[in-house]
Amino acid sequence: MGNISISVPDDLKQKIANLEEVNWSAVARVAFEEKINQIEFLRKIISKSKLTEKDAKEISDKINISMAKKFKRM
């Protein structure tokens, strides 16, 4: 099995060190796998999409406007 080194802020490193019962390699491995699965899923969707970047931007703008209106009413 390969090894990867990651950098974390000092305060996070201390919190990790204080939780000796946690298998941090397993936690990281699961997180990496989940992120890879998300990216692969999105790439698969994108590869089949017929939307142009302009189309996607227009849809995104409409969603943002709609959400902004919804939250203003709250």
N, C-alpha and C. Protein backbone atom coordinates (compact mmCIF):
# COMPACT_ATOMS: atom_id res chain seq x y z
N MET A 1 0.86 -1.17 0.00
CA MET A 1 0.00 0.00 0.00
C MET A 1 0.90 1.23 0.00
N GLY A 2 0.54 2.23 -0.80
CA GLY A 2 1.33 3.45 -0.89
C GLY A 2 1.10 4.38 0.29
N ASN A 3 2.00 5.35 0.43
CA ASN A 3 1.90 6.35 1.49
C ASN A 3 1.76 7.73 0.88
N ILE A 4 0.97 8.58 1.54
CA ILE A 4 0.81 9.97 1.15
C ILE A 4 0.99 10.81 2.40
N SER A 5 1.71 11.90 2.27
CA SER A 5 1.85 12.85 3.37
C SER A 5 0.96 14.05 3.07
N ILE A 6 0.25 14.52 4.10
CA ILE A 6 -0.59 15.71 3.93
C ILE A 6 -0.19 16.74 4.98
N SER A 7 -0.45 17.98 4.66
CA SER A 7 -0.18 19.07 5.59
C SER A 7 -1.50 19.54 6.19
N VAL A 8 -1.51 19.74 7.48
CA VAL A 8 -2.68 20.26 8.18
C VAL A 8 -2.22 21.37 9.12
N PRO A 9 -3.11 22.30 9.45
CA PRO A 9 -2.74 23.35 10.41
C PRO A 9 -2.35 22.74 11.75
N ASP A 10 -1.51 23.44 12.47
CA ASP A 10 -1.01 22.95 13.75
C ASP A 10 -2.14 22.61 14.73
N ASP A 11 -3.19 23.44 14.77
CA ASP A 11 -4.28 23.17 15.72
C ASP A 11 -5.01 21.87 15.36
N LEU A 12 -5.17 21.60 14.07
CA LEU A 12 -5.79 20.35 13.65
C LEU A 12 -4.89 19.17 13.99
N LYS A 13 -3.60 19.33 13.78
CA LYS A 13 -2.64 18.26 14.12
C LYS A 13 -2.74 17.91 15.60
N GLN A 14 -2.90 18.91 16.43
CA GLN A 14 -3.00 18.68 17.87
C GLN A 14 -4.29 17.93 18.21
N LYS A 15 -5.39 18.33 17.57
CA LYS A 15 -6.66 17.64 17.81
C LYS A 15 -6.57 16.18 17.38
N ILE A 16 -5.93 15.94 16.24
CA ILE A 16 -5.74 14.57 15.75
C ILE A 16 -4.91 13.78 16.76
N ALA A 17 -3.86 14.37 17.24
CA ALA A 17 -2.98 13.69 18.19
C ALA A 17 -3.72 13.35 19.49
N ASN A 18 -4.69 14.19 19.85
CA ASN A 18 -5.44 13.96 21.09
C ASN A 18 -6.48 12.85 20.95
N LEU A 19 -6.73 12.40 19.74
CA LEU A 19 -7.71 11.34 19.51
C LEU A 19 -7.00 10.10 19.00
N GLU A 20 -6.21 9.50 19.88
CA GLU A 20 -5.37 8.36 19.52
C GLU A 20 -6.18 7.13 19.10
N GLU A 21 -7.44 7.04 19.54
CA GLU A 21 -8.24 5.86 19.25
C GLU A 21 -8.75 5.83 17.81
N VAL A 22 -8.61 6.92 17.09
CA VAL A 22 -9.11 7.01 15.71
C VAL A 22 -8.03 6.55 14.74
N ASN A 23 -8.42 5.73 13.80
CA ASN A 23 -7.50 5.29 12.73
C ASN A 23 -7.57 6.35 11.63
N TRP A 24 -6.69 7.34 11.73
CA TRP A 24 -6.73 8.48 10.81
C TRP A 24 -6.41 8.09 9.38
N SER A 25 -5.64 7.05 9.19
CA SER A 25 -5.38 6.58 7.83
C SER A 25 -6.67 6.08 7.18
N ALA A 26 -7.47 5.36 7.96
CA ALA A 26 -8.74 4.87 7.44
C ALA A 26 -9.70 6.02 7.16
N VAL A 27 -9.72 7.00 8.05
CA VAL A 27 -10.57 8.18 7.85
C VAL A 27 -10.18 8.89 6.55
N ALA A 28 -8.90 9.11 6.37
CA ALA A 28 -8.41 9.79 5.16
C ALA A 28 -8.69 8.96 3.92
N ARG A 29 -8.48 7.65 4.01
CA ARG A 29 -8.71 6.76 2.87
C ARG A 29 -10.17 6.84 2.42
N VAL A 30 -11.10 6.80 3.37
CA VAL A 30 -12.52 6.90 3.05
C VAL A 30 -12.84 8.26 2.43
N ALA A 31 -12.29 9.32 3.00
CA ALA A 31 -12.54 10.66 2.47
C ALA A 31 -12.00 10.79 1.05
N PHE A 32 -10.80 10.27 0.80
CA PHE A 32 -10.24 10.31 -0.55
C PHE A 32 -11.11 9.53 -1.53
N GLU A 33 -11.54 8.34 -1.12
CA GLU A 33 -12.38 7.52 -1.99
C GLU A 33 -13.71 8.20 -2.30
N GLU A 34 -14.33 8.82 -1.29
CA GLU A 34 -15.59 9.51 -1.50
C GLU A 34 -15.42 10.68 -2.47
N LYS A 35 -14.36 11.45 -2.30
CA LYS A 35 -14.12 12.58 -3.19
C LYS A 35 -13.85 12.11 -4.61
N ILE A 36 -13.08 11.07 -4.77
CA ILE A 36 -12.80 10.51 -6.10
C ILE A 36 -14.11 10.04 -6.74
N ASN A 37 -14.96 9.36 -5.97
CA ASN A 37 -16.24 8.89 -6.51
C ASN A 37 -17.12 10.06 -6.94
N GLN A 38 -17.15 11.13 -6.17
CA GLN A 38 -17.93 12.31 -6.53
C GLN A 38 -17.43 12.90 -7.85
N ILE A 39 -16.13 13.06 -7.96
CA ILE A 39 -15.54 13.66 -9.17
C ILE A 39 -15.79 12.77 -10.38
N GLU A 40 -15.59 11.47 -10.22
CA GLU A 40 -15.83 10.55 -11.34
C GLU A 40 -17.29 10.57 -11.78
N PHE A 41 -18.21 10.64 -10.82
CA PHE A 41 -19.63 10.72 -11.13
C PHE A 41 -19.93 11.99 -11.92
N LEU A 42 -19.41 13.12 -11.45
CA LEU A 42 -19.65 14.39 -12.14
C LEU A 42 -19.03 14.39 -13.53
N ARG A 43 -17.85 13.83 -13.67
CA ARG A 43 -17.22 13.75 -14.99
C ARG A 43 -18.06 12.91 -15.94
N LYS A 44 -18.66 11.83 -15.42
CA LYS A 44 -19.49 10.98 -16.25
C LYS A 44 -20.72 11.75 -16.73
N ILE A 45 -21.34 12.50 -15.84
CA ILE A 45 -22.49 13.32 -16.21
C ILE A 45 -22.10 14.37 -17.25
N ILE A 46 -20.99 15.04 -16.99
CA ILE A 46 -20.53 16.10 -17.89
C ILE A 46 -20.22 15.55 -19.27
N SER A 47 -19.63 14.37 -19.33
CA SER A 47 -19.25 13.81 -20.62
C SER A 47 -20.47 13.51 -21.50
N LYS A 48 -21.63 13.30 -20.87
CA LYS A 48 -22.85 13.01 -21.62
C LYS A 48 -23.71 14.25 -21.84
N SER A 49 -23.33 15.36 -21.24
CA SER A 49 -24.14 16.58 -21.30
C SER A 49 -24.00 17.26 -22.66
N LYS A 50 -25.11 17.79 -23.11
CA LYS A 50 -25.11 18.55 -24.35
C LYS A 50 -25.16 20.05 -24.07
N LEU A 51 -25.18 20.42 -22.79
CA LEU A 51 -25.19 21.83 -22.41
C LEU A 51 -23.85 22.48 -22.73
N THR A 52 -23.93 23.70 -23.22
CA THR A 52 -22.71 24.47 -23.40
C THR A 52 -22.40 25.17 -22.08
N GLU A 53 -21.23 25.72 -21.97
CA GLU A 53 -20.88 26.47 -20.76
C GLU A 53 -21.83 27.65 -20.58
N LYS A 54 -22.20 28.27 -21.70
CA LYS A 54 -23.14 29.40 -21.65
C LYS A 54 -24.49 28.95 -21.11
N ASP A 55 -24.99 27.80 -21.58
CA ASP A 55 -26.26 27.26 -21.09
C ASP A 55 -26.20 27.00 -19.59
N ALA A 56 -25.12 26.39 -19.15
CA ALA A 56 -24.95 26.08 -17.73
C ALA A 56 -24.92 27.37 -16.90
N LYS A 57 -24.27 28.40 -17.40
CA LYS A 57 -24.19 29.69 -16.70
C LYS A 57 -25.58 30.30 -16.59
N GLU A 58 -26.37 30.25 -17.66
CA GLU A 58 -27.72 30.80 -17.64
C GLU A 58 -28.59 30.07 -16.62
N ILE A 59 -28.49 28.75 -16.57
CA ILE A 59 -29.25 27.97 -15.60
C ILE A 59 -28.81 28.32 -14.19
N SER A 60 -27.51 28.41 -13.99
CA SER A 60 -26.96 28.76 -12.68
C SER A 60 -27.45 30.13 -12.22
N ASP A 61 -27.45 31.09 -13.12
CA ASP A 61 -27.93 32.44 -12.78
C ASP A 61 -29.39 32.41 -12.37
N LYS A 62 -30.22 31.66 -13.10
CA LYS A 62 -31.64 31.56 -12.77
C LYS A 62 -31.84 30.93 -11.40
N ILE A 63 -31.08 29.90 -11.10
CA ILE A 63 -31.17 29.25 -9.80
C ILE A 63 -30.76 30.22 -8.69
N ASN A 64 -29.65 30.93 -8.91
CA ASN A 64 -29.18 31.88 -7.91
C ASN A 64 -30.20 32.97 -7.63
N ILE A 65 -30.83 33.50 -8.67
CA ILE A 65 -31.85 34.54 -8.51
C ILE A 65 -33.03 33.98 -7.74
N SER A 66 -33.46 32.78 -8.11
CA SER A 66 -34.59 32.15 -7.44
C SER A 66 -34.30 31.91 -5.96
N MET A 67 -33.12 31.41 -5.67
CA MET A 67 -32.75 31.15 -4.27
C MET A 67 -32.65 32.45 -3.48
N ALA A 68 -32.11 33.49 -4.10
CA ALA A 68 -32.00 34.79 -3.42
C ALA A 68 -33.39 35.31 -3.06
N LYS A 69 -34.35 35.20 -3.98
CA LYS A 69 -35.71 35.65 -3.71
C LYS A 69 -36.33 34.84 -2.57
N LYS A 70 -36.09 33.54 -2.59
CA LYS A 70 -36.64 32.66 -1.56
C LYS A 70 -36.12 33.07 -0.17
N PHE A 71 -34.81 33.32 -0.07
CA PHE A 71 -34.24 33.65 1.23
C PHE A 71 -34.59 35.06 1.67
N LYS A 72 -34.87 35.96 0.75
CA LYS A 72 -35.30 37.31 1.13
C LYS A 72 -36.68 37.28 1.78
N ARG A 73 -37.52 36.31 1.37
CA ARG A 73 -38.85 36.19 1.93
C ARG A 73 -38.83 35.62 3.34
N MET A 74 -37.76 34.99 3.73
CA MET A 74 -37.69 34.34 5.06
C MET A 74 -37.55 35.35 6.16
